[in-house]
């Protein structure tokens, strides 16, 4: 089975950014949860591809990866700022 796991990117923008105090905050830590899931799936003989926030450059990147990889299953993980 071909499994595509995606760590959905998010941007945190604030009023302070408009004033030049802060830039856009992006996920900078690899999605370890997806890595654990992928490792178990690979151990069980499945083909896994993980797209994380670092490799995603927009919605088209995700769509193109899905077309190229042709997964049987797609999983997505996301986080929100607290």
PDB file of N, CA and C in Angstrom:
ATOM      1  N   UNK A   1       0.836  -1.169   0.000  1.00  0.00           N
ATOM      2  CA  UNK A   1       0.000   0.000   0.000  1.00  0.00           C
ATOM      3  C   UNK A   1       0.892   1.248   0.000  1.00  0.00           C
ATOM      4  N   UNK A   2       0.503   2.252  -0.750  1.00  0.00           N
ATOM      5  CA  UNK A   2       1.235   3.522  -0.819  1.00  0.00           C
ATOM      6  C   UNK A   2       0.544   4.523   0.104  1.00  0.00           C
ATOM      7  N   UNK A   3       1.318   5.085   1.015  1.00  0.00           N
ATOM      8  CA  UNK A   3       0.766   5.989   2.035  1.00  0.00           C
ATOM      9  C   UNK A   3       1.476   7.343   1.935  1.00  0.00           C
ATOM     10  N   UNK A   4       0.686   8.407   1.807  1.00  0.00           N
ATOM     11  CA  UNK A   4       1.199   9.771   1.789  1.00  0.00           C
ATOM     12  C   UNK A   4       0.796  10.453   3.089  1.00  0.00           C
ATOM     13  N   UNK A   5       1.777  10.908   3.858  1.00  0.00           N
ATOM     14  CA  UNK A   5       1.530  11.605   5.118  1.00  0.00           C
ATOM     15  C   UNK A   5       1.942  13.061   4.965  1.00  0.00           C
ATOM     16  N   UNK A   6       1.065  13.968   5.363  1.00  0.00           N
ATOM     17  CA  UNK A   6       1.293  15.394   5.155  1.00  0.00           C
ATOM     18  C   UNK A   6       1.219  16.134   6.482  1.00  0.00           C
ATOM     19  N   UNK A   7       2.234  16.933   6.750  1.00  0.00           N
ATOM     20  CA  UNK A   7       2.198  17.868   7.870  1.00  0.00           C
ATOM     21  C   UNK A   7       1.758  19.208   7.300  1.00  0.00           C
ATOM     22  N   UNK A   8       0.523  19.557   7.537  1.00  0.00           N
ATOM     23  CA  UNK A   8      -0.073  20.749   6.935  1.00  0.00           C
ATOM     24  C   UNK A   8       0.603  22.010   7.482  1.00  0.00           C
ATOM     25  N   UNK A   9       1.075  22.879   6.599  1.00  0.00           N
ATOM     26  CA  UNK A   9       1.740  24.103   7.068  1.00  0.00           C
ATOM     27  C   UNK A   9       0.739  25.120   7.614  1.00  0.00           C
ATOM     28  N   UNK A  10       1.214  25.953   8.494  1.00  0.00           N
ATOM     29  CA  UNK A  10       0.398  27.065   8.974  1.00  0.00           C
ATOM     30  C   UNK A  10       1.280  28.298   9.088  1.00  0.00           C
ATOM     31  N   UNK A  11       0.642  29.432   9.041  1.00  0.00           N
ATOM     32  CA  UNK A  11       1.362  30.684   9.237  1.00  0.00           C
ATOM     33  C   UNK A  11       0.715  31.415  10.408  1.00  0.00           C
ATOM     34  N   UNK A  12       1.531  31.993  11.238  1.00  0.00           N
ATOM     35  CA  UNK A  12       1.052  32.777  12.369  1.00  0.00           C
ATOM     36  C   UNK A  12       1.405  34.227  12.102  1.00  0.00           C
ATOM     37  N   UNK A  13       0.402  35.017  11.855  1.00  0.00           N
ATOM     38  CA  UNK A  13       0.629  36.429  11.592  1.00  0.00           C
ATOM     39  C   UNK A  13      -0.077  37.230  12.683  1.00  0.00           C
ATOM     40  N   UNK A  14       0.519  38.282  13.101  1.00  0.00           N
ATOM     41  CA  UNK A  14      -0.075  39.088  14.161  1.00  0.00           C
ATOM     42  C   UNK A  14      -0.077  40.546  13.771  1.00  0.00           C
ATOM     43  N   UNK A  15      -0.770  41.336  14.563  1.00  0.00           N
ATOM     44  CA  UNK A  15      -0.773  42.780  14.360  1.00  0.00           C
ATOM     45  C   UNK A  15       0.638  43.331  14.437  1.00  0.00           C
ATOM     46  N   UNK A  16       1.453  42.723  15.293  1.00  0.00           N
ATOM     47  CA  UNK A  16       2.819  43.223  15.441  1.00  0.00           C
ATOM     48  C   UNK A  16       3.612  43.060  14.157  1.00  0.00           C
ATOM     49  N   UNK A  17       3.275  42.032  13.364  1.00  0.00           N
ATOM     50  CA  UNK A  17       3.977  41.829  12.103  1.00  0.00           C
ATOM     51  C   UNK A  17       3.764  43.034  11.188  1.00  0.00           C
ATOM     52  N   UNK A  18       2.548  43.572  11.197  1.00  0.00           N
ATOM     53  CA  UNK A  18       2.259  44.728  10.366  1.00  0.00           C
ATOM     54  C   UNK A  18       3.157  45.899  10.737  1.00  0.00           C
ATOM     55  N   UNK A  19       3.574  45.932  11.986  1.00  0.00           N
ATOM     56  CA  UNK A  19       4.453  46.986  12.460  1.00  0.00           C
ATOM     57  C   UNK A  19       5.922  46.624  12.266  1.00  0.00           C
ATOM     58  N   UNK A  20       6.173  45.443  11.706  1.00  0.00           N
ATOM     59  CA  UNK A  20       7.545  45.031  11.446  1.00  0.00           C
ATOM     60  C   UNK A  20       8.239  44.399  12.635  1.00  0.00           C
ATOM     61  N   UNK A  21       7.477  44.072  13.694  1.00  0.00           N
ATOM     62  CA  UNK A  21       8.084  43.518  14.903  1.00  0.00           C
ATOM     63  C   UNK A  21       8.361  42.016  14.765  1.00  0.00           C
ATOM     64  N   UNK A  22       7.501  41.311  14.061  1.00  0.00           N
ATOM     65  CA  UNK A  22       7.653  39.864  13.926  1.00  0.00           C
ATOM     66  C   UNK A  22       7.438  39.470  12.478  1.00  0.00           C
ATOM     67  N   UNK A  23       8.092  38.397  12.075  1.00  0.00           N
ATOM     68  CA  UNK A  23       7.868  37.843  10.748  1.00  0.00           C
ATOM     69  C   UNK A  23       6.850  36.721  10.834  1.00  0.00           C
ATOM     70  N   UNK A  24       6.698  36.015   9.768  1.00  0.00           N
ATOM     71  CA  UNK A  24       5.779  34.887   9.727  1.00  0.00           C
ATOM     72  C   UNK A  24       6.429  33.698  10.411  1.00  0.00           C
ATOM     73  N   UNK A  25       5.684  33.047  11.294  1.00  0.00           N
ATOM     74  CA  UNK A  25       6.180  31.881  12.010  1.00  0.00           C
ATOM     75  C   UNK A  25       5.690  30.641  11.287  1.00  0.00           C
ATOM     76  N   UNK A  26       6.597  29.727  10.970  1.00  0.00           N
ATOM     77  CA  UNK A  26       6.238  28.484  10.292  1.00  0.00           C
ATOM     78  C   UNK A  26       6.708  27.308  11.132  1.00  0.00           C
ATOM     79  N   UNK A  27       6.140  26.129  10.835  1.00  0.00           N
ATOM     80  CA  UNK A  27       6.615  24.910  11.491  1.00  0.00           C
ATOM     81  C   UNK A  27       8.101  24.765  11.181  1.00  0.00           C
ATOM     82  N   UNK A  28       8.921  24.601  12.194  1.00  0.00           N
ATOM     83  CA  UNK A  28      10.345  24.391  11.955  1.00  0.00           C
ATOM     84  C   UNK A  28      10.828  23.070  12.528  1.00  0.00           C
ATOM     85  N   UNK A  29       9.947  22.353  13.170  1.00  0.00           N
ATOM     86  CA  UNK A  29      10.290  21.060  13.760  1.00  0.00           C
ATOM     87  C   UNK A  29       9.675  19.967  12.899  1.00  0.00           C
ATOM     88  N   UNK A  30      10.435  18.971  12.507  1.00  0.00           N
ATOM     89  CA  UNK A  30       9.863  17.881  11.714  1.00  0.00           C
ATOM     90  C   UNK A  30       8.689  17.223  12.432  1.00  0.00           C
ATOM     91  N   UNK A  31       7.764  16.725  11.660  1.00  0.00           N
ATOM     92  CA  UNK A  31       6.567  16.078  12.203  1.00  0.00           C
ATOM     93  C   UNK A  31       6.928  14.679  12.712  1.00  0.00           C
ATOM     94  N   UNK A  32       7.339  14.594  13.963  1.00  0.00           N
ATOM     95  CA  UNK A  32       7.789  13.311  14.507  1.00  0.00           C
ATOM     96  C   UNK A  32       6.669  12.278  14.575  1.00  0.00           C
ATOM     97  N   UNK A  33       5.455  12.727  14.844  1.00  0.00           N
ATOM     98  CA  UNK A  33       4.320  11.795  14.878  1.00  0.00           C
ATOM     99  C   UNK A  33       4.136  11.101  13.539  1.00  0.00           C
ATOM    100  N   UNK A  34       4.224  11.876  12.460  1.00  0.00           N
ATOM    101  CA  UNK A  34       4.115  11.282  11.124  1.00  0.00           C
ATOM    102  C   UNK A  34       5.304  10.382  10.831  1.00  0.00           C
ATOM    103  N   UNK A  35       6.476  10.761  11.318  1.00  0.00           N
ATOM    104  CA  UNK A  35       7.660   9.918  11.126  1.00  0.00           C
ATOM    105  C   UNK A  35       7.489   8.576  11.829  1.00  0.00           C
ATOM    106  N   UNK A  36       6.928   8.598  13.038  1.00  0.00           N
ATOM    107  CA  UNK A  36       6.681   7.340  13.753  1.00  0.00           C
ATOM    108  C   UNK A  36       5.683   6.476  12.982  1.00  0.00           C
ATOM    109  N   UNK A  37       4.589   7.097  12.522  1.00  0.00           N
ATOM    110  CA  UNK A  37       3.596   6.338  11.755  1.00  0.00           C
ATOM    111  C   UNK A  37       4.210   5.770  10.475  1.00  0.00           C
ATOM    112  N   UNK A  38       4.989   6.601   9.801  1.00  0.00           N
ATOM    113  CA  UNK A  38       5.637   6.148   8.573  1.00  0.00           C
ATOM    114  C   UNK A  38       6.595   5.002   8.807  1.00  0.00           C
ATOM    115  N   UNK A  39       7.348   5.074   9.901  1.00  0.00           N
ATOM    116  CA  UNK A  39       8.308   4.007  10.216  1.00  0.00           C
ATOM    117  C   UNK A  39       7.599   2.676  10.460  1.00  0.00           C
ATOM    118  N   UNK A  40       6.496   2.721  11.184  1.00  0.00           N
ATOM    119  CA  UNK A  40       5.746   1.488  11.454  1.00  0.00           C
ATOM    120  C   UNK A  40       5.149   0.947  10.163  1.00  0.00           C
ATOM    121  N   UNK A  41       4.620   1.840   9.315  1.00  0.00           N
ATOM    122  CA  UNK A  41       4.039   1.397   8.046  1.00  0.00           C
ATOM    123  C   UNK A  41       5.109   0.787   7.144  1.00  0.00           C
ATOM    124  N   UNK A  42       6.293   1.415   7.088  1.00  0.00           N
ATOM    125  CA  UNK A  42       7.385   0.843   6.288  1.00  0.00           C
ATOM    126  C   UNK A  42       7.826  -0.502   6.836  1.00  0.00           C
ATOM    127  N   UNK A  43       7.898  -0.613   8.152  1.00  0.00           N
ATOM    128  CA  UNK A  43       8.286  -1.888   8.763  1.00  0.00           C
ATOM    129  C   UNK A  43       7.323  -2.996   8.348  1.00  0.00           C
ATOM    130  N   UNK A  44       6.054  -2.625   8.163  1.00  0.00           N
ATOM    131  CA  UNK A  44       5.040  -3.602   7.775  1.00  0.00           C
ATOM    132  C   UNK A  44       4.927  -3.768   6.259  1.00  0.00           C
ATOM    133  N   UNK A  45       5.879  -3.178   5.518  1.00  0.00           N
ATOM    134  CA  UNK A  45       5.953  -3.420   4.090  1.00  0.00           C
ATOM    135  C   UNK A  45       5.271  -2.398   3.193  1.00  0.00           C
ATOM    136  N   UNK A  46       4.811  -1.293   3.747  1.00  0.00           N
ATOM    137  CA  UNK A  46       4.145  -0.274   2.941  1.00  0.00           C
ATOM    138  C   UNK A  46       5.146   0.762   2.443  1.00  0.00           C
ATOM    139  N   UNK A  47       4.816   1.387   1.336  1.00  0.00           N
ATOM    140  CA  UNK A  47       5.636   2.456   0.787  1.00  0.00           C
ATOM    141  C   UNK A  47       5.091   3.786   1.320  1.00  0.00           C
ATOM    142  N   UNK A  48       5.960   4.577   1.931  1.00  0.00           N
ATOM    143  CA  UNK A  48       5.521   5.799   2.613  1.00  0.00           C
ATOM    144  C   UNK A  48       6.274   7.009   2.077  1.00  0.00           C
ATOM    145  N   UNK A  49       5.534   8.101   1.902  1.00  0.00           N
ATOM    146  CA  UNK A  49       6.144   9.390   1.579  1.00  0.00           C
ATOM    147  C   UNK A  49       5.594  10.413   2.570  1.00  0.00           C
ATOM    148  N   UNK A  50       6.496  11.229   3.134  1.00  0.00           N
ATOM    149  CA  UNK A  50       6.087  12.257   4.087  1.00  0.00           C
ATOM    150  C   UNK A  50       6.410  13.628   3.501  1.00  0.00           C
ATOM    151  N   UNK A  51       5.405  14.495   3.484  1.00  0.00           N
ATOM    152  CA  UNK A  51       5.600  15.896   3.110  1.00  0.00           C
ATOM    153  C   UNK A  51       5.501  16.713   4.391  1.00  0.00           C
ATOM    154  N   UNK A  52       6.557  17.427   4.722  1.00  0.00           N
ATOM    155  CA  UNK A  52       6.484  18.267   5.915  1.00  0.00           C
ATOM    156  C   UNK A  52       6.489  19.729   5.498  1.00  0.00           C
ATOM    157  N   UNK A  53       6.323  20.601   6.462  1.00  0.00           N
ATOM    158  CA  UNK A  53       6.200  22.027   6.191  1.00  0.00           C
ATOM    159  C   UNK A  53       7.421  22.587   5.471  1.00  0.00           C
ATOM    160  N   UNK A  54       8.560  21.995   5.698  1.00  0.00           N
ATOM    161  CA  UNK A  54       9.781  22.487   5.069  1.00  0.00           C
ATOM    162  C   UNK A  54       9.765  22.226   3.560  1.00  0.00           C
ATOM    163  N   UNK A  55       9.179  21.111   3.147  1.00  0.00           N
ATOM    164  CA  UNK A  55       9.182  20.751   1.730  1.00  0.00           C
ATOM    165  C   UNK A  55       7.957  21.270   0.976  1.00  0.00           C
ATOM    166  N   UNK A  56       6.938  21.742   1.692  1.00  0.00           N
ATOM    167  CA  UNK A  56       5.708  22.197   1.046  1.00  0.00           C
ATOM    168  C   UNK A  56       5.830  23.676   0.694  1.00  0.00           C
ATOM    169  N   UNK A  57       5.585  23.991  -0.542  1.00  0.00           N
ATOM    170  CA  UNK A  57       5.671  25.384  -0.997  1.00  0.00           C
ATOM    171  C   UNK A  57       4.316  25.901  -1.468  1.00  0.00           C
ATOM    172  N   UNK A  58       3.246  25.299  -1.018  1.00  0.00           N
ATOM    173  CA  UNK A  58       1.908  25.734  -1.401  1.00  0.00           C
ATOM    174  C   UNK A  58       1.021  24.548  -1.705  1.00  0.00           C
ATOM    175  N   UNK A  59      -0.254  24.836  -1.902  1.00  0.00           N
ATOM    176  CA  UNK A  59      -1.224  23.781  -2.148  1.00  0.00           C
ATOM    177  C   UNK A  59      -0.880  22.975  -3.389  1.00  0.00           C
ATOM    178  N   UNK A  60      -0.347  23.633  -4.411  1.00  0.00           N
ATOM    179  CA  UNK A  60      -0.004  22.928  -5.646  1.00  0.00           C
ATOM    180  C   UNK A  60       1.088  21.879  -5.407  1.00  0.00           C
ATOM    181  N   UNK A  61       2.010  22.143  -4.484  1.00  0.00           N
ATOM    182  CA  UNK A  61       3.047  21.170  -4.142  1.00  0.00           C
ATOM    183  C   UNK A  61       2.426  19.889  -3.601  1.00  0.00           C
ATOM    184  N   UNK A  62       1.431  20.050  -2.740  1.00  0.00           N
ATOM    185  CA  UNK A  62       0.747  18.889  -2.165  1.00  0.00           C
ATOM    186  C   UNK A  62       0.011  18.121  -3.252  1.00  0.00           C
ATOM    187  N   UNK A  63      -0.720  18.840  -4.098  1.00  0.00           N
ATOM    188  CA  UNK A  63      -1.477  18.188  -5.173  1.00  0.00           C
ATOM    189  C   UNK A  63      -0.548  17.459  -6.145  1.00  0.00           C
ATOM    190  N   UNK A  64       0.566  18.095  -6.496  1.00  0.00           N
ATOM    191  CA  UNK A  64       1.513  17.469  -7.418  1.00  0.00           C
ATOM    192  C   UNK A  64       2.131  16.217  -6.807  1.00  0.00           C
ATOM    193  N   UNK A  65       2.473  16.285  -5.517  1.00  0.00           N
ATOM    194  CA  UNK A  65       3.045  15.117  -4.834  1.00  0.00           C
ATOM    195  C   UNK A  65       2.051  13.964  -4.824  1.00  0.00           C
ATOM    196  N   UNK A  66       0.781  14.273  -4.596  1.00  0.00           N
ATOM    197  CA  UNK A  66      -0.249  13.227  -4.585  1.00  0.00           C
ATOM    198  C   UNK A  66      -0.413  12.625  -5.981  1.00  0.00           C
ATOM    199  N   UNK A  67      -0.395  13.456  -7.009  1.00  0.00           N
ATOM    200  CA  UNK A  67      -0.509  12.935  -8.387  1.00  0.00           C
ATOM    201  C   UNK A  67       0.697  12.064  -8.743  1.00  0.00           C
ATOM    202  N   UNK A  68       1.881  12.510  -8.357  1.00  0.00           N
ATOM    203  CA  UNK A  68       3.099  11.759  -8.690  1.00  0.00           C
ATOM    204  C   UNK A  68       3.185  10.443  -7.924  1.00  0.00           C
ATOM    205  N   UNK A  69       2.862  10.480  -6.644  1.00  0.00           N
ATOM    206  CA  UNK A  69       3.013   9.306  -5.788  1.00  0.00           C
ATOM    207  C   UNK A  69       1.839   8.336  -5.918  1.00  0.00           C
ATOM    208  N   UNK A  70       0.658   8.842  -6.249  1.00  0.00           N
ATOM    209  CA  UNK A  70      -0.574   8.052  -6.371  1.00  0.00           C
ATOM    210  C   UNK A  70      -0.811   7.174  -5.147  1.00  0.00           C
ATOM    211  N   UNK A  71      -1.022   7.795  -3.985  1.00  0.00           N
ATOM    212  CA  UNK A  71      -1.180   7.022  -2.742  1.00  0.00           C
ATOM    213  C   UNK A  71      -2.541   6.318  -2.676  1.00  0.00           C
ATOM    214  N   UNK A  72      -2.566   5.228  -1.928  1.00  0.00           N
ATOM    215  CA  UNK A  72      -3.816   4.544  -1.614  1.00  0.00           C
ATOM    216  C   UNK A  72      -4.484   5.198  -0.402  1.00  0.00           C
ATOM    217  N   UNK A  73      -3.646   5.743   0.472  1.00  0.00           N
ATOM    218  CA  UNK A  73      -4.124   6.376   1.706  1.00  0.00           C
ATOM    219  C   UNK A  73      -3.385   7.686   1.904  1.00  0.00           C
ATOM    220  N   UNK A  74      -4.108   8.713   2.332  1.00  0.00           N
ATOM    221  CA  UNK A  74      -3.494   9.999   2.656  1.00  0.00           C
ATOM    222  C   UNK A  74      -3.834  10.339   4.099  1.00  0.00           C
ATOM    223  N   UNK A  75      -2.808  10.706   4.878  1.00  0.00           N
ATOM    224  CA  UNK A  75      -3.010  11.136   6.251  1.00  0.00           C
ATOM    225  C   UNK A  75      -2.463  12.535   6.412  1.00  0.00           C
ATOM    226  N   UNK A  76      -3.125  13.344   7.214  1.00  0.00           N
ATOM    227  CA  UNK A  76      -2.670  14.713   7.432  1.00  0.00           C
ATOM    228  C   UNK A  76      -2.659  15.029   8.923  1.00  0.00           C
ATOM    229  N   UNK A  77      -1.652  15.781   9.321  1.00  0.00           N
ATOM    230  CA  UNK A  77      -1.559  16.239  10.703  1.00  0.00           C
ATOM    231  C   UNK A  77      -1.395  17.746  10.661  1.00  0.00           C
ATOM    232  N   UNK A  78      -1.998  18.420  11.606  1.00  0.00           N
ATOM    233  CA  UNK A  78      -1.832  19.871  11.664  1.00  0.00           C
ATOM    234  C   UNK A  78      -1.751  20.305  13.119  1.00  0.00           C
ATOM    235  N   UNK A  79      -1.198  21.467  13.311  1.00  0.00           N
ATOM    236  CA  UNK A  79      -1.126  22.061  14.639  1.00  0.00           C
ATOM    237  C   UNK A  79      -1.630  23.491  14.530  1.00  0.00           C
ATOM    238  N   UNK A  80      -2.054  24.002  15.662  1.00  0.00           N
ATOM    239  CA  UNK A  80      -2.458  25.397  15.726  1.00  0.00           C
ATOM    240  C   UNK A  80      -1.709  26.051  16.867  1.00  0.00           C
ATOM    241  N   UNK A  81      -1.442  27.321  16.749  1.00  0.00           N
ATOM    242  CA  UNK A  81      -0.749  27.990  17.847  1.00  0.00           C
ATOM    243  C   UNK A  81      -1.632  28.068  19.074  1.00  0.00           C
ATOM    244  N   UNK A  82      -1.020  27.936  20.214  1.00  0.00           N
ATOM    245  CA  UNK A  82      -1.790  27.976  21.457  1.00  0.00           C
ATOM    246  C   UNK A  82      -1.901  29.391  21.974  1.00  0.00           C
TER     247      UNK A  82
END
